[in-house]
C-alpha atoms as a PDB file:
ATOM      1  CA  UNK A   1       0.223  17.363  -6.088  1.00  0.00           C
ATOM      2  CA  UNK A   2       0.262  14.634  -3.458  1.00  0.00           C
ATOM      3  CA  UNK A   3       3.231  13.308  -1.540  1.00  0.00           C
ATOM      4  CA  UNK A   4       2.804   9.518  -1.477  1.00  0.00           C
ATOM      5  CA  UNK A   5       4.615   7.384   1.094  1.00  0.00           C
ATOM      6  CA  UNK A   6       5.380   3.922  -0.263  1.00  0.00           C
ATOM      7  CA  UNK A   7       6.360   1.304   2.313  1.00  0.00           C
ATOM      8  CA  UNK A   8       8.507  -1.444   0.855  1.00  0.00           C
ATOM      9  CA  UNK A   9      10.709  -4.413   1.752  1.00  0.00           C
ATOM     10  CA  UNK A  10      12.429  -7.075  -0.320  1.00  0.00           C
ATOM     11  CA  UNK A  11      10.199  -9.578  -2.123  1.00  0.00           C
ATOM     12  CA  UNK A  12       7.586  -7.008  -3.139  1.00  0.00           C
ATOM     13  CA  UNK A  13       5.507  -7.968  -6.188  1.00  0.00           C
ATOM     14  CA  UNK A  14       7.445  -6.167  -8.929  1.00  0.00           C
ATOM     15  CA  UNK A  15       4.625  -4.797 -11.131  1.00  0.00           C
ATOM     16  CA  UNK A  16       2.441  -4.005  -8.118  1.00  0.00           C
ATOM     17  CA  UNK A  17       5.057  -1.415  -7.195  1.00  0.00           C
ATOM     18  CA  UNK A  18       6.411  -0.289 -10.582  1.00  0.00           C
ATOM     19  CA  UNK A  19       3.165   0.225 -12.519  1.00  0.00           C
ATOM     20  CA  UNK A  20       1.288   2.282  -9.877  1.00  0.00           C
ATOM     21  CA  UNK A  21       4.430   4.222  -8.831  1.00  0.00           C
ATOM     22  CA  UNK A  22       5.114   5.157 -12.458  1.00  0.00           C
ATOM     23  CA  UNK A  23       1.464   6.184 -12.963  1.00  0.00           C
ATOM     24  CA  UNK A  24       1.524   8.313  -9.796  1.00  0.00           C
ATOM     25  CA  UNK A  25       4.722  10.053 -10.938  1.00  0.00           C
ATOM     26  CA  UNK A  26       3.385  10.579 -14.481  1.00  0.00           C
ATOM     27  CA  UNK A  27       0.336  12.274 -12.942  1.00  0.00           C
ATOM     28  CA  UNK A  28       2.690  14.665 -11.110  1.00  0.00           C
ATOM     29  CA  UNK A  29       2.673  13.094  -7.653  1.00  0.00           C
ATOM     30  CA  UNK A  30       5.798  12.570  -5.556  1.00  0.00           C
ATOM     31  CA  UNK A  31       6.514   8.952  -4.544  1.00  0.00           C
ATOM     32  CA  UNK A  32       8.846   8.366  -1.590  1.00  0.00           C
ATOM     33  CA  UNK A  33      10.008   4.792  -0.958  1.00  0.00           C
ATOM     34  CA  UNK A  34      10.360   4.061   2.751  1.00  0.00           C
ATOM     35  CA  UNK A  35      12.142   0.978   4.059  1.00  0.00           C
ATOM     36  CA  UNK A  36      13.965  -0.131   7.160  1.00  0.00           C
ATOM     37  CA  UNK A  37      17.055   1.837   6.095  1.00  0.00           C
ATOM     38  CA  UNK A  38      17.726   4.744   3.743  1.00  0.00           C
ATOM     39  CA  UNK A  39      19.607   3.962   0.532  1.00  0.00           C
ATOM     40  CA  UNK A  40      18.962   0.213   0.663  1.00  0.00           C
ATOM     41  CA  UNK A  41      18.410  -1.596  -2.633  1.00  0.00           C
ATOM     42  CA  UNK A  42      15.279  -3.744  -2.496  1.00  0.00           C
ATOM     43  CA  UNK A  43      14.572  -6.494  -4.987  1.00  0.00           C
ATOM     44  CA  UNK A  44      11.193  -7.605  -6.248  1.00  0.00           C
ATOM     45  CA  UNK A  45       9.952 -11.158  -5.917  1.00  0.00           C
ATOM     46  CA  UNK A  46      10.204 -11.733  -9.674  1.00  0.00           C
ATOM     47  CA  UNK A  47      13.696 -10.131  -9.715  1.00  0.00           C
ATOM     48  CA  UNK A  48      12.491  -7.736 -12.441  1.00  0.00           C
ATOM     49  CA  UNK A  49      12.602  -4.577 -10.322  1.00  0.00           C
ATOM     50  CA  UNK A  50      15.152  -3.076  -7.985  1.00  0.00           C
ATOM     51  CA  UNK A  51      14.248  -0.038  -5.920  1.00  0.00           C
ATOM     52  CA  UNK A  52      16.455   2.149  -3.736  1.00  0.00           C
ATOM     53  CA  UNK A  53      14.765   3.463  -0.619  1.00  0.00           C
ATOM     54  CA  UNK A  54      14.558   7.241  -0.233  1.00  0.00           C
ATOM     55  CA  UNK A  55      14.200   7.147   3.554  1.00  0.00           C
ATOM     56  CA  UNK A  56      14.095   4.868   6.565  1.00  0.00           C
ATOM     57  CA  UNK A  57      10.938   4.480   8.615  1.00  0.00           C
ATOM     58  CA  UNK A  58      12.836   5.961  11.591  1.00  0.00           C
ATOM     59  CA  UNK A  59      13.437   9.286   9.844  1.00  0.00           C
ATOM     60  CA  UNK A  60       9.977  10.004   8.411  1.00  0.00           C
ATOM     61  CA  UNK A  61       6.702  11.150   9.890  1.00  0.00           C
ATOM     62  CA  UNK A  62       3.312  10.194   8.449  1.00  0.00           C
ATOM     63  CA  UNK A  63       2.274  13.847   8.858  1.00  0.00           C
ATOM     64  CA  UNK A  64       4.677  14.693   5.996  1.00  0.00           C
ATOM     65  CA  UNK A  65       2.661  12.654   3.478  1.00  0.00           C
ATOM     66  CA  UNK A  66      -0.752  12.955   1.861  1.00  0.00           C
ATOM     67  CA  UNK A  67      -1.281   9.275   0.966  1.00  0.00           C
ATOM     68  CA  UNK A  68       0.073   5.767   1.599  1.00  0.00           C
ATOM     69  CA  UNK A  69       0.788   3.131  -1.066  1.00  0.00           C
ATOM     70  CA  UNK A  70       1.323  -0.519  -0.008  1.00  0.00           C
ATOM     71  CA  UNK A  71       2.388  -2.853  -2.849  1.00  0.00           C
ATOM     72  CA  UNK A  72       1.879  -6.591  -2.425  1.00  0.00           C
ATOM     73  CA  UNK A  73       4.119  -9.634  -2.538  1.00  0.00           C
ATOM     74  CA  UNK A  74       5.874 -10.736   0.662  1.00  0.00           C
ATOM     75  CA  UNK A  75       6.847  -7.152   1.511  1.00  0.00           C
ATOM     76  CA  UNK A  76       3.729  -6.280   3.582  1.00  0.00           C
ATOM     77  CA  UNK A  77       4.108  -9.438   5.683  1.00  0.00           C
ATOM     78  CA  UNK A  78       7.744  -8.546   6.390  1.00  0.00           C
ATOM     79  CA  UNK A  79       6.879  -4.928   7.232  1.00  0.00           C
ATOM     80  CA  UNK A  80       4.028  -5.726   9.600  1.00  0.00           C
ATOM     81  CA  UNK A  81       6.523  -7.432  11.902  1.00  0.00           C
ATOM     82  CA  UNK A  82       7.954  -3.961  12.612  1.00  0.00           C
ATOM     83  CA  UNK A  83       5.771  -1.827  14.875  1.00  0.00           C
ATOM     84  CA  UNK A  84       7.089   1.384  13.259  1.00  0.00           C
ATOM     85  CA  UNK A  85       5.502   0.413   9.929  1.00  0.00           C
ATOM     86  CA  UNK A  86       2.275  -0.659  11.646  1.00  0.00           C
ATOM     87  CA  UNK A  87       1.974   2.677  13.479  1.00  0.00           C
ATOM     88  CA  UNK A  88       2.869   4.581  10.304  1.00  0.00           C
ATOM     89  CA  UNK A  89       0.081   2.754   8.449  1.00  0.00           C
ATOM     90  CA  UNK A  90      -2.395   3.271  11.292  1.00  0.00           C
ATOM     91  CA  UNK A  91      -1.885   7.045  11.130  1.00  0.00           C
ATOM     92  CA  UNK A  92      -3.135   7.231   7.529  1.00  0.00           C
ATOM     93  CA  UNK A  93      -6.272   5.222   8.295  1.00  0.00           C
ATOM     94  CA  UNK A  94      -6.983   7.110  11.516  1.00  0.00           C
ATOM     95  CA  UNK A  95      -6.590  10.481   9.785  1.00  0.00           C
ATOM     96  CA  UNK A  96      -8.730   9.479   6.798  1.00  0.00           C
ATOM     97  CA  UNK A  97      -5.850   9.979   4.377  1.00  0.00           C
ATOM     98  CA  UNK A  98      -5.840   7.970   1.128  1.00  0.00           C
ATOM     99  CA  UNK A  99      -4.480   4.428   1.418  1.00  0.00           C
ATOM    100  CA  UNK A 100      -3.801   2.306  -1.678  1.00  0.00           C
ATOM    101  CA  UNK A 101      -3.127  -1.396  -1.004  1.00  0.00           C
ATOM    102  CA  UNK A 102      -2.907  -4.194  -3.546  1.00  0.00           C
ATOM    103  CA  UNK A 103      -2.686  -7.990  -3.236  1.00  0.00           C
ATOM    104  CA  UNK A 104      -1.103  -8.742   0.172  1.00  0.00           C
ATOM    105  CA  UNK A 105      -0.813  -5.013   0.986  1.00  0.00           C
ATOM    106  CA  UNK A 106      -3.864  -5.117   3.282  1.00  0.00           C
ATOM    107  CA  UNK A 107      -1.853  -7.303   5.701  1.00  0.00           C
ATOM    108  CA  UNK A 108      -0.376  -4.069   7.100  1.00  0.00           C
ATOM    109  CA  UNK A 109      -3.913  -2.738   7.582  1.00  0.00           C
ATOM    110  CA  UNK A 110      -4.859  -5.935   9.428  1.00  0.00           C
ATOM    111  CA  UNK A 111      -1.924  -5.476  11.817  1.00  0.00           C
ATOM    112  CA  UNK A 112      -2.809  -1.794  12.274  1.00  0.00           C
ATOM    113  CA  UNK A 113      -6.316  -2.924  13.307  1.00  0.00           C
ATOM    114  CA  UNK A 114      -8.080  -0.369  11.086  1.00  0.00           C
ATOM    115  CA  UNK A 115     -10.375  -2.562   8.972  1.00  0.00           C
ATOM    116  CA  UNK A 116     -13.446  -2.998  11.179  1.00  0.00           C
ATOM    117  CA  UNK A 117     -16.494  -2.011   9.138  1.00  0.00           C
ATOM    118  CA  UNK A 118     -14.494  -1.277   5.970  1.00  0.00           C
ATOM    119  CA  UNK A 119     -15.143  -2.752   2.511  1.00  0.00           C
ATOM    120  CA  UNK A 120     -12.010  -4.239   1.007  1.00  0.00           C
ATOM    121  CA  UNK A 121     -10.442  -6.755  -1.314  1.00  0.00           C
ATOM    122  CA  UNK A 122      -7.051  -8.411  -1.438  1.00  0.00           C
ATOM    123  CA  UNK A 123      -5.324 -11.539  -2.588  1.00  0.00           C
ATOM    124  CA  UNK A 124      -7.603 -14.580  -2.183  1.00  0.00           C
ATOM    125  CA  UNK A 125      -5.396 -16.217   0.473  1.00  0.00           C
ATOM    126  CA  UNK A 126      -5.889 -13.285   2.882  1.00  0.00           C
ATOM    127  CA  UNK A 127      -9.690 -12.978   2.506  1.00  0.00           C
ATOM    128  CA  UNK A 128     -10.346 -14.887   5.738  1.00  0.00           C
ATOM    129  CA  UNK A 129      -7.782 -12.706   7.557  1.00  0.00           C
ATOM    130  CA  UNK A 130      -9.546  -9.583   6.275  1.00  0.00           C
ATOM    131  CA  UNK A 131     -12.920 -10.945   7.470  1.00  0.00           C
ATOM    132  CA  UNK A 132     -11.420 -11.793  10.866  1.00  0.00           C
ATOM    133  CA  UNK A 133     -10.173  -8.182  11.066  1.00  0.00           C
ATOM    134  CA  UNK A 134     -13.790  -7.017  10.759  1.00  0.00           C
ATOM    135  CA  UNK A 135     -13.832  -6.036   7.081  1.00  0.00           C
ATOM    136  CA  UNK A 136     -16.465  -6.860   4.491  1.00  0.00           C
ATOM    137  CA  UNK A 137     -14.547  -8.635   1.735  1.00  0.00           C
ATOM    138  CA  UNK A 138     -15.518  -8.290  -1.908  1.00  0.00           C
ATOM    139  CA  UNK A 139     -14.029 -10.392  -4.698  1.00  0.00           C
ATOM    140  CA  UNK A 140     -13.763  -7.513  -7.178  1.00  0.00           C
ATOM    141  CA  UNK A 141     -10.880  -6.044  -9.183  1.00  0.00           C
ATOM    142  CA  UNK A 142     -10.981  -2.824  -7.174  1.00  0.00           C
ATOM    143  CA  UNK A 143     -12.881  -1.715  -4.077  1.00  0.00           C
ATOM    144  CA  UNK A 144     -13.057   1.911  -2.968  1.00  0.00           C
ATOM    145  CA  UNK A 145     -14.284   2.417   0.599  1.00  0.00           C
ATOM    146  CA  UNK A 146     -15.079   5.727   2.251  1.00  0.00           C
ATOM    147  CA  UNK A 147     -13.546   7.674  -0.596  1.00  0.00           C
ATOM    148  CA  UNK A 148     -10.017   7.075   0.700  1.00  0.00           C
ATOM    149  CA  UNK A 149      -9.257   3.324   0.820  1.00  0.00           C
ATOM    150  CA  UNK A 150      -8.497   1.679  -2.537  1.00  0.00           C
ATOM    151  CA  UNK A 151      -7.708  -2.040  -2.675  1.00  0.00           C
ATOM    152  CA  UNK A 152      -7.193  -4.615  -5.417  1.00  0.00           C
ATOM    153  CA  UNK A 153      -6.562  -8.365  -5.551  1.00  0.00           C
ATOM    154  CA  UNK A 154      -3.642  -9.119  -7.891  1.00  0.00           C
ATOM    155  CA  UNK A 155      -1.486  -7.926 -10.801  1.00  0.00           C
ATOM    156  CA  UNK A 156      -4.343  -8.354 -13.307  1.00  0.00           C
ATOM    157  CA  UNK A 157      -6.245  -5.667 -11.384  1.00  0.00           C
ATOM    158  CA  UNK A 158      -3.493  -3.025 -11.650  1.00  0.00           C
ATOM    159  CA  UNK A 159      -5.213  -0.889 -14.343  1.00  0.00           C
ATOM    160  CA  UNK A 160      -8.375  -0.559 -12.213  1.00  0.00           C
ATOM    161  CA  UNK A 161      -6.261   0.001  -9.076  1.00  0.00           C
ATOM    162  CA  UNK A 162      -4.341   2.828 -10.746  1.00  0.00           C
ATOM    163  CA  UNK A 163      -7.503   4.391 -12.199  1.00  0.00           C
ATOM    164  CA  UNK A 164      -9.312   4.510  -8.844  1.00  0.00           C
ATOM    165  CA  UNK A 165      -6.217   5.567  -6.879  1.00  0.00           C
ATOM    166  CA  UNK A 166      -5.654   8.511  -9.221  1.00  0.00           C
ATOM    167  CA  UNK A 167      -9.349   9.490  -8.863  1.00  0.00           C
ATOM    168  CA  UNK A 168      -8.929   9.587  -5.073  1.00  0.00           C
ATOM    169  CA  UNK A 169      -5.783  11.719  -5.405  1.00  0.00           C
ATOM    170  CA  UNK A 170      -7.674  14.217  -7.601  1.00  0.00           C
ATOM    171  CA  UNK A 171     -10.198  14.918  -4.834  1.00  0.00           C
END
């Protein structure tokens, strides 16, 4: 089963973390929550979810993981201000490892400069940013590009996001 790195900061979109993370675990995958410090309690934007980080970005290596999961909300915008998270994200794209990003999650991919020529979706307000990063933007509930990049727009798209992410992990 896959080891999935999940990068997270406060103000993540609650269900965009909880629903996919639970589905990944139920399918037998290991989900590791990575933040700026180990053992920190992070709170979702809706204040419905609290998550304790398993590791800090300083103590993990992207080589130790099979896939990357980037929930939305304000979390990705916070994380992309830290070069360690940007480089961590870049590794997965450069190595062709699975990357699952929902809502504002693709903001980390923009900062990692790995979207040129990719097909992607995301929250409507970042569509122009995705285009400016060289991606082809599709307004669809889920977009799978290259067999390893899965993106969705918003909480309503979570079922499709989970379905396609799990398909990628089965390969």
